[in-house]
Each structure stands twice: as C-alpha cells, then as structure tokens.
N, C-alpha and C. Protein backbone atom coordinates (compact mmCIF):
# COMPACT_ATOMS: atom_id res chain seq x y z
N MET A 1 -12.09 3.66 -5.21
CA MET A 1 -10.67 3.87 -5.30
C MET A 1 -9.98 2.81 -6.15
N PRO A 2 -10.29 1.50 -6.03
CA PRO A 2 -9.60 0.50 -6.85
C PRO A 2 -9.75 0.81 -8.33
N ARG A 3 -10.91 1.29 -8.75
CA ARG A 3 -11.12 1.61 -10.15
C ARG A 3 -10.15 2.70 -10.57
N GLU A 4 -9.94 3.70 -9.69
CA GLU A 4 -9.01 4.78 -9.98
C GLU A 4 -7.60 4.26 -10.16
N LEU A 5 -7.19 3.34 -9.32
CA LEU A 5 -5.83 2.80 -9.43
C LEU A 5 -5.63 2.08 -10.75
N ARG A 6 -6.60 1.36 -11.18
CA ARG A 6 -6.46 0.61 -12.43
C ARG A 6 -6.48 1.51 -13.65
N LYS A 7 -7.16 2.64 -13.55
CA LYS A 7 -7.30 3.53 -14.70
C LYS A 7 -6.42 4.76 -14.60
N SER A 8 -5.51 4.80 -13.62
CA SER A 8 -4.66 5.97 -13.45
C SER A 8 -3.83 6.23 -14.68
N LYS A 9 -3.74 7.49 -15.04
CA LYS A 9 -2.95 7.89 -16.19
C LYS A 9 -1.49 7.55 -15.94
N GLY A 10 -0.87 6.89 -16.90
CA GLY A 10 0.53 6.56 -16.79
C GLY A 10 0.81 5.29 -16.01
N SER A 11 -0.19 4.63 -15.50
CA SER A 11 0.07 3.41 -14.74
C SER A 11 0.25 2.23 -15.67
N ARG A 12 1.01 1.29 -15.19
CA ARG A 12 1.23 0.06 -15.94
C ARG A 12 0.12 -0.91 -15.61
N SER A 13 0.10 -2.06 -16.29
CA SER A 13 -0.97 -3.01 -16.03
C SER A 13 -0.84 -3.61 -14.63
N ALA A 14 -1.97 -3.81 -14.00
CA ALA A 14 -2.00 -4.34 -12.64
C ALA A 14 -1.84 -5.85 -12.65
N PRO A 15 -1.19 -6.40 -11.61
CA PRO A 15 -1.07 -7.85 -11.53
C PRO A 15 -2.43 -8.49 -11.25
N ASP A 16 -2.56 -9.76 -11.58
CA ASP A 16 -3.79 -10.48 -11.29
C ASP A 16 -3.82 -10.87 -9.82
N PHE A 17 -4.98 -10.68 -9.20
CA PHE A 17 -5.16 -11.05 -7.80
C PHE A 17 -6.25 -12.10 -7.71
N SER A 18 -6.12 -12.97 -6.70
CA SER A 18 -7.16 -13.96 -6.46
C SER A 18 -8.37 -13.25 -5.88
N LYS A 19 -9.50 -13.91 -5.89
CA LYS A 19 -10.73 -13.33 -5.33
C LYS A 19 -10.53 -13.01 -3.84
N GLU A 20 -9.82 -13.88 -3.13
CA GLU A 20 -9.58 -13.66 -1.70
C GLU A 20 -8.70 -12.41 -1.48
N GLU A 21 -7.66 -12.26 -2.29
CA GLU A 21 -6.80 -11.08 -2.18
C GLU A 21 -7.57 -9.82 -2.51
N GLU A 22 -8.41 -9.90 -3.51
CA GLU A 22 -9.22 -8.75 -3.90
C GLU A 22 -10.20 -8.38 -2.78
N LYS A 23 -10.82 -9.38 -2.16
CA LYS A 23 -11.76 -9.13 -1.06
C LYS A 23 -11.01 -8.50 0.12
N ASN A 24 -9.83 -9.03 0.44
CA ASN A 24 -9.04 -8.47 1.55
C ASN A 24 -8.68 -7.01 1.28
N ALA A 25 -8.31 -6.71 0.05
CA ALA A 25 -7.97 -5.33 -0.32
C ALA A 25 -9.19 -4.43 -0.18
N MET A 26 -10.34 -4.90 -0.63
CA MET A 26 -11.56 -4.09 -0.53
C MET A 26 -11.94 -3.86 0.94
N ASP A 27 -11.76 -4.88 1.78
CA ASP A 27 -12.04 -4.73 3.21
C ASP A 27 -11.12 -3.67 3.82
N MET A 28 -9.85 -3.69 3.43
CA MET A 28 -8.90 -2.70 3.93
C MET A 28 -9.28 -1.29 3.45
N LEU A 29 -9.70 -1.18 2.20
CA LEU A 29 -10.11 0.12 1.68
C LEU A 29 -11.28 0.68 2.49
N LYS A 30 -12.24 -0.19 2.81
CA LYS A 30 -13.39 0.25 3.60
C LYS A 30 -12.95 0.71 4.99
N GLU A 31 -11.99 -0.02 5.58
CA GLU A 31 -11.52 0.31 6.92
C GLU A 31 -10.87 1.70 6.95
N TYR A 32 -10.12 2.03 5.91
CA TYR A 32 -9.36 3.28 5.89
C TYR A 32 -10.05 4.40 5.14
N ASP A 33 -11.19 4.13 4.55
CA ASP A 33 -11.92 5.14 3.79
C ASP A 33 -12.27 6.32 4.68
N GLY A 34 -12.02 7.51 4.19
CA GLY A 34 -12.39 8.71 4.93
C GLY A 34 -11.32 9.21 5.88
N MET A 35 -10.23 8.46 6.06
CA MET A 35 -9.15 8.92 6.92
C MET A 35 -8.31 9.95 6.18
N SER A 36 -7.80 10.90 6.92
CA SER A 36 -6.90 11.90 6.33
C SER A 36 -5.53 11.25 6.10
N GLU A 37 -4.70 11.94 5.33
CA GLU A 37 -3.35 11.42 5.09
C GLU A 37 -2.59 11.28 6.41
N ASN A 38 -2.75 12.23 7.31
CA ASN A 38 -2.07 12.16 8.61
C ASN A 38 -2.56 10.97 9.43
N GLU A 39 -3.85 10.72 9.41
CA GLU A 39 -4.41 9.57 10.13
C GLU A 39 -3.88 8.26 9.54
N LEU A 40 -3.82 8.20 8.21
CA LEU A 40 -3.31 7.00 7.55
C LEU A 40 -1.83 6.78 7.89
N MET A 41 -1.05 7.86 7.88
CA MET A 41 0.38 7.73 8.21
C MET A 41 0.56 7.26 9.64
N ALA A 42 -0.21 7.80 10.56
CA ALA A 42 -0.11 7.39 11.96
C ALA A 42 -0.46 5.91 12.11
N LYS A 43 -1.50 5.47 11.41
CA LYS A 43 -1.91 4.06 11.45
C LYS A 43 -0.81 3.17 10.87
N LEU A 44 -0.25 3.59 9.74
CA LEU A 44 0.81 2.83 9.09
C LEU A 44 2.03 2.71 9.99
N LEU A 45 2.48 3.84 10.53
CA LEU A 45 3.67 3.82 11.39
C LEU A 45 3.45 2.97 12.63
N SER A 46 2.26 3.05 13.20
CA SER A 46 1.92 2.23 14.36
C SER A 46 1.94 0.74 14.01
N SER A 47 1.38 0.39 12.87
CA SER A 47 1.35 -1.01 12.43
C SER A 47 2.76 -1.54 12.16
N VAL A 48 3.59 -0.71 11.53
CA VAL A 48 4.97 -1.14 11.24
C VAL A 48 5.75 -1.32 12.54
N GLN A 49 5.60 -0.38 13.46
CA GLN A 49 6.30 -0.48 14.74
C GLN A 49 5.89 -1.76 15.47
N LYS A 50 4.60 -2.04 15.49
CA LYS A 50 4.10 -3.26 16.13
C LYS A 50 4.66 -4.49 15.43
N GLY A 51 4.67 -4.47 14.10
CA GLY A 51 5.19 -5.60 13.34
C GLY A 51 6.67 -5.83 13.57
N LYS A 52 7.43 -4.76 13.70
CA LYS A 52 8.87 -4.90 13.99
C LYS A 52 9.07 -5.50 15.37
N GLN A 53 8.24 -5.10 16.33
CA GLN A 53 8.35 -5.61 17.69
C GLN A 53 7.99 -7.08 17.80
N ASP A 54 6.93 -7.47 17.09
CA ASP A 54 6.49 -8.87 17.21
C ASP A 54 7.04 -9.78 16.11
N GLY A 55 7.88 -9.21 15.23
CA GLY A 55 8.54 -10.03 14.21
C GLY A 55 7.71 -10.32 12.97
N THR A 56 6.57 -9.64 12.81
CA THR A 56 5.73 -9.90 11.64
C THR A 56 6.01 -8.94 10.48
N PHE A 57 6.91 -7.99 10.68
CA PHE A 57 7.28 -7.04 9.62
C PHE A 57 8.71 -7.31 9.20
N SER A 58 8.94 -7.28 7.89
CA SER A 58 10.30 -7.39 7.39
C SER A 58 10.46 -6.49 6.17
N GLU A 59 11.69 -6.07 5.91
CA GLU A 59 11.95 -5.24 4.74
C GLU A 59 11.68 -6.03 3.46
N GLU A 60 11.85 -7.35 3.52
CA GLU A 60 11.55 -8.19 2.35
C GLU A 60 10.05 -8.12 2.02
N MET A 61 9.21 -8.19 3.05
CA MET A 61 7.76 -8.06 2.84
C MET A 61 7.44 -6.70 2.24
N LEU A 62 8.08 -5.67 2.74
CA LEU A 62 7.85 -4.32 2.24
C LEU A 62 8.26 -4.23 0.77
N SER A 63 9.41 -4.79 0.44
CA SER A 63 9.88 -4.78 -0.96
C SER A 63 8.92 -5.52 -1.88
N ASN A 64 8.41 -6.66 -1.41
CA ASN A 64 7.45 -7.42 -2.21
C ASN A 64 6.16 -6.63 -2.44
N PHE A 65 5.70 -5.95 -1.41
CA PHE A 65 4.50 -5.13 -1.55
C PHE A 65 4.72 -4.03 -2.58
N ILE A 66 5.87 -3.38 -2.49
CA ILE A 66 6.17 -2.29 -3.42
C ILE A 66 6.20 -2.80 -4.85
N LYS A 67 6.79 -3.96 -5.07
CA LYS A 67 6.84 -4.54 -6.41
C LYS A 67 5.43 -4.83 -6.94
N GLN A 68 4.54 -5.25 -6.07
CA GLN A 68 3.17 -5.57 -6.49
C GLN A 68 2.35 -4.30 -6.71
N ALA A 69 2.52 -3.32 -5.85
CA ALA A 69 1.68 -2.12 -5.91
C ALA A 69 2.16 -1.12 -6.95
N SER A 70 3.44 -1.05 -7.17
CA SER A 70 4.01 -0.02 -8.04
C SER A 70 3.39 0.05 -9.43
N PRO A 71 3.13 -1.08 -10.09
CA PRO A 71 2.54 -1.00 -11.43
C PRO A 71 1.16 -0.35 -11.47
N MET A 72 0.47 -0.29 -10.35
CA MET A 72 -0.87 0.28 -10.31
C MET A 72 -0.86 1.78 -10.02
N LEU A 73 0.32 2.35 -9.78
CA LEU A 73 0.43 3.74 -9.37
C LEU A 73 0.97 4.61 -10.48
N ASN A 74 0.59 5.88 -10.45
CA ASN A 74 1.20 6.82 -11.38
C ASN A 74 2.51 7.32 -10.77
N GLU A 75 3.23 8.16 -11.51
CA GLU A 75 4.56 8.60 -11.06
C GLU A 75 4.51 9.34 -9.71
N GLU A 76 3.52 10.20 -9.54
CA GLU A 76 3.38 10.93 -8.27
C GLU A 76 3.13 9.97 -7.11
N GLN A 77 2.27 8.99 -7.32
CA GLN A 77 1.97 8.01 -6.27
C GLN A 77 3.18 7.15 -5.95
N ARG A 78 3.94 6.75 -6.99
CA ARG A 78 5.15 5.95 -6.75
C ARG A 78 6.18 6.76 -5.95
N SER A 79 6.30 8.04 -6.26
CA SER A 79 7.23 8.90 -5.54
C SER A 79 6.85 8.98 -4.06
N LYS A 80 5.58 9.16 -3.79
CA LYS A 80 5.09 9.22 -2.41
C LYS A 80 5.33 7.89 -1.69
N MET A 81 5.09 6.78 -2.39
CA MET A 81 5.32 5.47 -1.79
C MET A 81 6.80 5.30 -1.46
N ASN A 82 7.67 5.75 -2.33
CA ASN A 82 9.11 5.64 -2.07
C ASN A 82 9.53 6.47 -0.86
N GLN A 83 8.93 7.66 -0.70
CA GLN A 83 9.22 8.48 0.46
C GLN A 83 8.78 7.78 1.75
N ILE A 84 7.61 7.20 1.72
CA ILE A 84 7.08 6.48 2.87
C ILE A 84 7.95 5.27 3.19
N THR A 85 8.36 4.57 2.16
CA THR A 85 9.20 3.38 2.33
C THR A 85 10.48 3.72 3.07
N GLU A 86 11.10 4.83 2.68
CA GLU A 86 12.34 5.23 3.35
C GLU A 86 12.10 5.52 4.83
N MET A 87 10.93 6.07 5.16
CA MET A 87 10.60 6.34 6.58
C MET A 87 10.45 5.04 7.36
N LEU A 88 10.00 3.99 6.69
CA LEU A 88 9.69 2.74 7.39
C LEU A 88 10.91 1.86 7.63
N LYS A 89 11.95 2.06 6.87
CA LYS A 89 13.14 1.20 6.98
C LYS A 89 13.96 1.47 8.21
C-alpha cells in the first residue's frame, strides 16, 4: 500500500519521514491490513472517542495529520479524508 500512495496518479510529492516514522506507519498498515472499510471506520471512531475522553486527541493533531497525509493522496482519497474529518470533529 505505501508504494501505491507514493505513485498515485495526481498525487503531490510525499514529505520525508524518519526511519522510525516509516516503521511505525508500516506497523500500522500491517495491523489494519485486510480490514473492511466499515471495520476501519469503527476502529477509527473508537480510537477518536477514546482519545477525546482521555485528552490524547485534539483537532490540532487531526489538522496536522491531514496536512502531512494530503500530499500523498489523489483527489478521490482527499475527498474521502475530508468527509471522515468532518465526522470526527
């Protein structure tokens, strides 16, 4: 999947990540690999709810993530991310 994100048609250049950030991303990809979109959404919503309750989630963090991830996505993926973002706020 990471290769697909970097080579997606219409995507802008991806930001540089440290080896540790890249490893963490790959670990997360392995954890969520094979999940359906519904399963992923349920996991995301659960994680956000938990983060809001324990104070580890903020809209600033979400905005920073979007700024980092957006250049790696095509227009359809960015649109979907924006829809999800609105649900999380």
